[in-house]
Amino acid sequence: MILISEETVVLAMPKFMQTLDDTIYKELEKLAKRRGISIQELIRAVIVPEWVTGHNGPETQQTPTSKLNAWR
């Protein structure tokens, strides 16, 4: 079991796989090297939290589907 918060416990964390265009990968690689971390750490600790914050803030009152379409 994994404790997510005081109210939420799950048996396993969901996983996903992502493929990246070579250009995007190289850009992420440069950003990660500047920070002294791996690309995976950059995505986990910086990119995903910023994306979630930017797309779930109070100023963004869209439906989940329109949020996804806006990200594309």
PDB file of N, CA and C in Angstrom:
ATOM      1  N   MET A   1       0.835  -1.184   0.000  1.00  0.00           N
ATOM      2  CA  MET A   1       0.000   0.000   0.000  1.00  0.00           C
ATOM      3  C   MET A   1       0.881   1.249   0.000  1.00  0.00           C
ATOM      4  N   ILE A   2       0.394   2.260  -0.684  1.00  0.00           N
ATOM      5  CA  ILE A   2       1.126   3.516  -0.776  1.00  0.00           C
ATOM      6  C   ILE A   2       0.228   4.631  -0.255  1.00  0.00           C
ATOM      7  N   LEU A   3       0.748   5.414   0.675  1.00  0.00           N
ATOM      8  CA  LEU A   3       0.004   6.536   1.244  1.00  0.00           C
ATOM      9  C   LEU A   3       0.168   7.749   0.347  1.00  0.00           C
ATOM     10  N   ILE A   4      -0.939   8.224  -0.219  1.00  0.00           N
ATOM     11  CA  ILE A   4      -0.923   9.417  -1.070  1.00  0.00           C
ATOM     12  C   ILE A   4      -1.165  10.655  -0.215  1.00  0.00           C
ATOM     13  N   SER A   5      -2.154  10.591   0.639  1.00  0.00           N
ATOM     14  CA  SER A   5      -2.458  11.664   1.585  1.00  0.00           C
ATOM     15  C   SER A   5      -3.118  11.005   2.788  1.00  0.00           C
ATOM     16  N   GLU A   6      -3.497  11.797   3.776  1.00  0.00           N
ATOM     17  CA  GLU A   6      -4.140  11.225   4.961  1.00  0.00           C
ATOM     18  C   GLU A   6      -5.427  10.493   4.600  1.00  0.00           C
ATOM     19  N   GLU A   7      -6.096  10.936   3.539  1.00  0.00           N
ATOM     20  CA  GLU A   7      -7.371  10.345   3.144  1.00  0.00           C
ATOM     21  C   GLU A   7      -7.241   9.274   2.075  1.00  0.00           C
ATOM     22  N   THR A   8      -6.109   9.221   1.376  1.00  0.00           N
ATOM     23  CA  THR A   8      -5.991   8.376   0.193  1.00  0.00           C
ATOM     24  C   THR A   8      -4.844   7.382   0.324  1.00  0.00           C
ATOM     25  N   VAL A   9      -5.182   6.101   0.236  1.00  0.00           N
ATOM     26  CA  VAL A   9      -4.184   5.040   0.206  1.00  0.00           C
ATOM     27  C   VAL A   9      -4.494   4.186  -1.015  1.00  0.00           C
ATOM     28  N   VAL A  10      -3.483   3.882  -1.830  1.00  0.00           N
ATOM     29  CA  VAL A  10      -3.687   3.043  -3.008  1.00  0.00           C
ATOM     30  C   VAL A  10      -2.781   1.829  -2.926  1.00  0.00           C
ATOM     31  N   LEU A  11      -3.163   0.758  -3.637  1.00  0.00           N
ATOM     32  CA  LEU A  11      -2.358  -0.450  -3.632  1.00  0.00           C
ATOM     33  C   LEU A  11      -1.108  -0.299  -4.486  1.00  0.00           C
ATOM     34  N   ALA A  12      -1.194   0.439  -5.572  1.00  0.00           N
ATOM     35  CA  ALA A  12      -0.039   0.667  -6.439  1.00  0.00           C
ATOM     36  C   ALA A  12      -0.225   1.992  -7.157  1.00  0.00           C
ATOM     37  N   MET A  13       0.870   2.626  -7.476  1.00  0.00           N
ATOM     38  CA  MET A  13       0.804   3.887  -8.207  1.00  0.00           C
ATOM     39  C   MET A  13       0.564   3.601  -9.684  1.00  0.00           C
ATOM     40  N   PRO A  14      -0.270   4.412 -10.335  1.00  0.00           N
ATOM     41  CA  PRO A  14      -0.456   4.232 -11.778  1.00  0.00           C
ATOM     42  C   PRO A  14       0.827   4.586 -12.523  1.00  0.00           C
ATOM     43  N   LYS A  15       1.054   3.938 -13.631  1.00  0.00           N
ATOM     44  CA  LYS A  15       2.258   4.174 -14.427  1.00  0.00           C
ATOM     45  C   LYS A  15       1.860   4.531 -15.846  1.00  0.00           C
ATOM     46  N   PHE A  16       2.740   5.228 -16.535  1.00  0.00           N
ATOM     47  CA  PHE A  16       2.514   5.510 -17.940  1.00  0.00           C
ATOM     48  C   PHE A  16       3.856   5.575 -18.653  1.00  0.00           C
ATOM     49  N   MET A  17       3.811   5.436 -19.964  1.00  0.00           N
ATOM     50  CA  MET A  17       5.016   5.523 -20.773  1.00  0.00           C
ATOM     51  C   MET A  17       4.828   6.672 -21.756  1.00  0.00           C
ATOM     52  N   GLN A  18       5.897   7.425 -21.976  1.00  0.00           N
ATOM     53  CA  GLN A  18       5.835   8.582 -22.857  1.00  0.00           C
ATOM     54  C   GLN A  18       6.945   8.477 -23.891  1.00  0.00           C
ATOM     55  N   THR A  19       6.615   8.751 -25.136  1.00  0.00           N
ATOM     56  CA  THR A  19       7.645   8.842 -26.161  1.00  0.00           C
ATOM     57  C   THR A  19       7.814  10.306 -26.523  1.00  0.00           C
ATOM     58  N   LEU A  20       9.040  10.677 -26.864  1.00  0.00           N
ATOM     59  CA  LEU A  20       9.343  12.069 -27.174  1.00  0.00           C
ATOM     60  C   LEU A  20      10.039  12.170 -28.514  1.00  0.00           C
ATOM     61  N   ASP A  21       9.736  13.212 -29.230  1.00  0.00           N
ATOM     62  CA  ASP A  21      10.441  13.548 -30.456  1.00  0.00           C
ATOM     63  C   ASP A  21      11.901  13.816 -30.105  1.00  0.00           C
ATOM     64  N   ASP A  22      12.830  13.521 -30.994  1.00  0.00           N
ATOM     65  CA  ASP A  22      14.262  13.727 -30.736  1.00  0.00           C
ATOM     66  C   ASP A  22      14.579  15.159 -30.327  1.00  0.00           C
ATOM     67  N   THR A  23      13.951  16.123 -30.977  1.00  0.00           N
ATOM     68  CA  THR A  23      14.198  17.534 -30.667  1.00  0.00           C
ATOM     69  C   THR A  23      13.776  17.853 -29.236  1.00  0.00           C
ATOM     70  N   ILE A  24      12.612  17.392 -28.845  1.00  0.00           N
ATOM     71  CA  ILE A  24      12.107  17.643 -27.493  1.00  0.00           C
ATOM     72  C   ILE A  24      12.990  16.936 -26.471  1.00  0.00           C
ATOM     73  N   TYR A  25      13.381  15.692 -26.778  1.00  0.00           N
ATOM     74  CA  TYR A  25      14.246  14.944 -25.869  1.00  0.00           C
ATOM     75  C   TYR A  25      15.557  15.690 -25.639  1.00  0.00           C
ATOM     76  N   LYS A  26      16.161  16.181 -26.696  1.00  0.00           N
ATOM     77  CA  LYS A  26      17.438  16.892 -26.564  1.00  0.00           C
ATOM     78  C   LYS A  26      17.272  18.175 -25.746  1.00  0.00           C
ATOM     79  N   GLU A  27      16.164  18.870 -25.921  1.00  0.00           N
ATOM     80  CA  GLU A  27      15.910  20.085 -25.140  1.00  0.00           C
ATOM     81  C   GLU A  27      15.736  19.732 -23.658  1.00  0.00           C
ATOM     82  N   LEU A  28      14.975  18.686 -23.371  1.00  0.00           N
ATOM     83  CA  LEU A  28      14.801  18.254 -21.982  1.00  0.00           C
ATOM     84  C   LEU A  28      16.130  17.791 -21.392  1.00  0.00           C
ATOM     85  N   GLU A  29      16.938  17.128 -22.201  1.00  0.00           N
ATOM     86  CA  GLU A  29      18.245  16.661 -21.752  1.00  0.00           C
ATOM     87  C   GLU A  29      19.125  17.849 -21.337  1.00  0.00           C
ATOM     88  N   LYS A  30      19.107  18.925 -22.146  1.00  0.00           N
ATOM     89  CA  LYS A  30      19.879  20.128 -21.814  1.00  0.00           C
ATOM     90  C   LYS A  30      19.391  20.751 -20.504  1.00  0.00           C
ATOM     91  N   LEU A  31      18.072  20.860 -20.361  1.00  0.00           N
ATOM     92  CA  LEU A  31      17.504  21.437 -19.145  1.00  0.00           C
ATOM     93  C   LEU A  31      17.870  20.607 -17.921  1.00  0.00           C
ATOM     94  N   ALA A  32      17.785  19.290 -18.049  1.00  0.00           N
ATOM     95  CA  ALA A  32      18.103  18.404 -16.928  1.00  0.00           C
ATOM     96  C   ALA A  32      19.583  18.506 -16.560  1.00  0.00           C
ATOM     97  N   LYS A  33      20.454  18.529 -17.561  1.00  0.00           N
ATOM     98  CA  LYS A  33      21.902  18.636 -17.289  1.00  0.00           C
ATOM     99  C   LYS A  33      22.222  19.927 -16.560  1.00  0.00           C
ATOM    100  N   ARG A  34      21.579  21.037 -16.944  1.00  0.00           N
ATOM    101  CA  ARG A  34      21.807  22.324 -16.273  1.00  0.00           C
ATOM    102  C   ARG A  34      21.452  22.250 -14.793  1.00  0.00           C
ATOM    103  N   ARG A  35      20.432  21.436 -14.477  1.00  0.00           N
ATOM    104  CA  ARG A  35      19.995  21.289 -13.085  1.00  0.00           C
ATOM    105  C   ARG A  35      20.727  20.163 -12.359  1.00  0.00           C
ATOM    106  N   GLY A  36      21.493  19.370 -13.108  1.00  0.00           N
ATOM    107  CA  GLY A  36      22.214  18.255 -12.492  1.00  0.00           C
ATOM    108  C   GLY A  36      21.317  17.093 -12.114  1.00  0.00           C
ATOM    109  N   ILE A  37      20.242  16.906 -12.900  1.00  0.00           N
ATOM    110  CA  ILE A  37      19.307  15.810 -12.626  1.00  0.00           C
ATOM    111  C   ILE A  37      19.041  15.032 -13.915  1.00  0.00           C
ATOM    112  N   SER A  38      18.365  13.901 -13.788  1.00  0.00           N
ATOM    113  CA  SER A  38      18.026  13.109 -14.967  1.00  0.00           C
ATOM    114  C   SER A  38      16.781  13.684 -15.645  1.00  0.00           C
ATOM    115  N   ILE A  39      16.549  13.268 -16.867  1.00  0.00           N
ATOM    116  CA  ILE A  39      15.351  13.713 -17.589  1.00  0.00           C
ATOM    117  C   ILE A  39      14.100  13.244 -16.850  1.00  0.00           C
ATOM    118  N   GLN A  40      14.118  12.027 -16.351  1.00  0.00           N
ATOM    119  CA  GLN A  40      12.969  11.509 -15.608  1.00  0.00           C
ATOM    120  C   GLN A  40      12.683  12.370 -14.378  1.00  0.00           C
ATOM    121  N   GLU A  41      13.728  12.746 -13.651  1.00  0.00           N
ATOM    122  CA  GLU A  41      13.541  13.607 -12.482  1.00  0.00           C
ATOM    123  C   GLU A  41      12.988  14.973 -12.890  1.00  0.00           C
ATOM    124  N   LEU A  42      13.474  15.512 -14.001  1.00  0.00           N
ATOM    125  CA  LEU A  42      12.981  16.793 -14.500  1.00  0.00           C
ATOM    126  C   LEU A  42      11.485  16.709 -14.800  1.00  0.00           C
ATOM    127  N   ILE A  43      11.091  15.668 -15.498  1.00  0.00           N
ATOM    128  CA  ILE A  43       9.673  15.503 -15.843  1.00  0.00           C
ATOM    129  C   ILE A  43       8.832  15.342 -14.583  1.00  0.00           C
ATOM    130  N   ARG A  44       9.286  14.488 -13.665  1.00  0.00           N
ATOM    131  CA  ARG A  44       8.535  14.215 -12.439  1.00  0.00           C
ATOM    132  C   ARG A  44       8.466  15.409 -11.493  1.00  0.00           C
ATOM    133  N   ALA A  45       9.590  16.069 -11.280  1.00  0.00           N
ATOM    134  CA  ALA A  45       9.662  17.096 -10.244  1.00  0.00           C
ATOM    135  C   ALA A  45       9.374  18.507 -10.733  1.00  0.00           C
ATOM    136  N   VAL A  46       9.519  18.760 -12.039  1.00  0.00           N
ATOM    137  CA  VAL A  46       9.362  20.123 -12.539  1.00  0.00           C
ATOM    138  C   VAL A  46       8.218  20.230 -13.542  1.00  0.00           C
ATOM    139  N   ILE A  47       8.290  19.475 -14.609  1.00  0.00           N
ATOM    140  CA  ILE A  47       7.345  19.652 -15.717  1.00  0.00           C
ATOM    141  C   ILE A  47       5.924  19.267 -15.327  1.00  0.00           C
ATOM    142  N   VAL A  48       5.726  18.079 -14.781  1.00  0.00           N
ATOM    143  CA  VAL A  48       4.361  17.647 -14.432  1.00  0.00           C
ATOM    144  C   VAL A  48       3.745  18.563 -13.373  1.00  0.00           C
ATOM    145  N   PRO A  49       4.443  18.864 -12.267  1.00  0.00           N
ATOM    146  CA  PRO A  49       3.821  19.781 -11.292  1.00  0.00           C
ATOM    147  C   PRO A  49       3.475  21.156 -11.874  1.00  0.00           C
ATOM    148  N   GLU A  50       4.347  21.694 -12.733  1.00  0.00           N
ATOM    149  CA  GLU A  50       4.039  22.988 -13.354  1.00  0.00           C
ATOM    150  C   GLU A  50       2.835  22.880 -14.272  1.00  0.00           C
ATOM    151  N   TRP A  51       2.739  21.788 -15.011  1.00  0.00           N
ATOM    152  CA  TRP A  51       1.605  21.591 -15.914  1.00  0.00           C
ATOM    153  C   TRP A  51       0.311  21.471 -15.118  1.00  0.00           C
ATOM    154  N   VAL A  52       0.343  20.685 -14.039  1.00  0.00           N
ATOM    155  CA  VAL A  52      -0.856  20.501 -13.216  1.00  0.00           C
ATOM    156  C   VAL A  52      -1.274  21.825 -12.596  1.00  0.00           C
ATOM    157  N   THR A  53      -0.332  22.556 -12.048  1.00  0.00           N
ATOM    158  CA  THR A  53      -0.635  23.853 -11.434  1.00  0.00           C
ATOM    159  C   THR A  53      -1.188  24.820 -12.475  1.00  0.00           C
ATOM    160  N   GLY A  54      -0.584  24.857 -13.625  1.00  0.00           N
ATOM    161  CA  GLY A  54      -1.018  25.769 -14.680  1.00  0.00           C
ATOM    162  C   GLY A  54      -2.351  25.427 -15.285  1.00  0.00           C
ATOM    163  N   HIS A  55      -2.743  24.160 -15.227  1.00  0.00           N
ATOM    164  CA  HIS A  55      -3.994  23.739 -15.847  1.00  0.00           C
ATOM    165  C   HIS A  55      -5.101  23.443 -14.845  1.00  0.00           C
ATOM    166  N   ASN A  56      -4.831  23.585 -13.547  1.00  0.00           N
ATOM    167  CA  ASN A  56      -5.856  23.316 -12.545  1.00  0.00           C
ATOM    168  C   ASN A  56      -6.035  24.470 -11.578  1.00  0.00           C
ATOM    169  N   GLY A  57      -5.488  25.629 -11.916  1.00  0.00           N
ATOM    170  CA  GLY A  57      -5.615  26.783 -11.039  1.00  0.00           C
ATOM    171  C   GLY A  57      -7.020  27.346 -11.070  1.00  0.00           C
ATOM    172  N   PRO A  58      -7.340  28.229 -10.139  1.00  0.00           N
ATOM    173  CA  PRO A  58      -8.687  28.806 -10.064  1.00  0.00           C
ATOM    174  C   PRO A  58      -9.073  29.606 -11.302  1.00  0.00           C
ATOM    175  N   GLU A  59      -8.068  30.158 -12.004  1.00  0.00           N
ATOM    176  CA  GLU A  59      -8.386  30.940 -13.205  1.00  0.00           C
ATOM    177  C   GLU A  59      -8.769  30.051 -14.382  1.00  0.00           C
ATOM    178  N   THR A  60      -8.519  28.748 -14.283  1.00  0.00           N
ATOM    179  CA  THR A  60      -8.819  27.820 -15.373  1.00  0.00           C
ATOM    180  C   THR A  60     -10.079  27.047 -15.018  1.00  0.00           C
ATOM    181  N   GLN A  61     -11.207  27.524 -15.453  1.00  0.00           N
ATOM    182  CA  GLN A  61     -12.482  26.880 -15.157  1.00  0.00           C
ATOM    183  C   GLN A  61     -13.017  26.194 -16.400  1.00  0.00           C
ATOM    184  N   GLN A  62     -12.247  25.238 -16.938  1.00  0.00           N
ATOM    185  CA  GLN A  62     -12.655  24.511 -18.124  1.00  0.00           C
ATOM    186  C   GLN A  62     -12.994  23.073 -17.733  1.00  0.00           C
ATOM    187  N   THR A  63     -13.704  22.407 -18.617  1.00  0.00           N
ATOM    188  CA  THR A  63     -13.955  20.987 -18.396  1.00  0.00           C
ATOM    189  C   THR A  63     -12.666  20.218 -18.631  1.00  0.00           C
ATOM    190  N   PRO A  64     -12.508  19.015 -18.049  1.00  0.00           N
ATOM    191  CA  PRO A  64     -11.278  18.243 -18.264  1.00  0.00           C
ATOM    192  C   PRO A  64     -10.963  18.007 -19.742  1.00  0.00           C
ATOM    193  N   THR A  65     -11.980  17.776 -20.568  1.00  0.00           N
ATOM    194  CA  THR A  65     -11.742  17.523 -21.989  1.00  0.00           C
ATOM    195  C   THR A  65     -11.196  18.763 -22.668  1.00  0.00           C
ATOM    196  N   SER A  66     -11.735  19.930 -22.370  1.00  0.00           N
ATOM    197  CA  SER A  66     -11.228  21.144 -23.014  1.00  0.00           C
ATOM    198  C   SER A  66      -9.835  21.475 -22.521  1.00  0.00           C
ATOM    199  N   LYS A  67      -9.499  21.136 -21.260  1.00  0.00           N
ATOM    200  CA  LYS A  67      -8.135  21.319 -20.767  1.00  0.00           C
ATOM    201  C   LYS A  67      -7.171  20.456 -21.567  1.00  0.00           C
ATOM    202  N   LEU A  68      -7.552  19.207 -21.793  1.00  0.00           N
ATOM    203  CA  LEU A  68      -6.695  18.294 -22.548  1.00  0.00           C
ATOM    204  C   LEU A  68      -6.503  18.801 -23.967  1.00  0.00           C
ATOM    205  N   ASN A  69      -7.560  19.245 -24.597  1.00  0.00           N
ATOM    206  CA  ASN A  69      -7.453  19.763 -25.976  1.00  0.00           C
ATOM    207  C   ASN A  69      -6.600  21.007 -26.027  1.00  0.00           C
ATOM    208  N   ALA A  70      -6.651  21.863 -25.004  1.00  0.00           N
ATOM    209  CA  ALA A  70      -5.845  23.070 -24.968  1.00  0.00           C
ATOM    210  C   ALA A  70      -4.374  22.708 -24.843  1.00  0.00           C
ATOM    211  N   TRP A  71      -4.043  21.643 -24.113  1.00  0.00           N
ATOM    212  CA  TRP A  71      -2.657  21.215 -23.930  1.00  0.00           C
ATOM    213  C   TRP A  71      -2.066  20.705 -25.230  1.00  0.00           C
ATOM    214  N   ARG A  72      -2.884  20.056 -26.053  1.00  0.00           N
ATOM    215  CA  ARG A  72      -2.412  19.497 -27.318  1.00  0.00           C
ATOM    216  C   ARG A  72      -2.026  20.617 -28.205  1.00  0.00           C
TER     217      ARG A  72
END
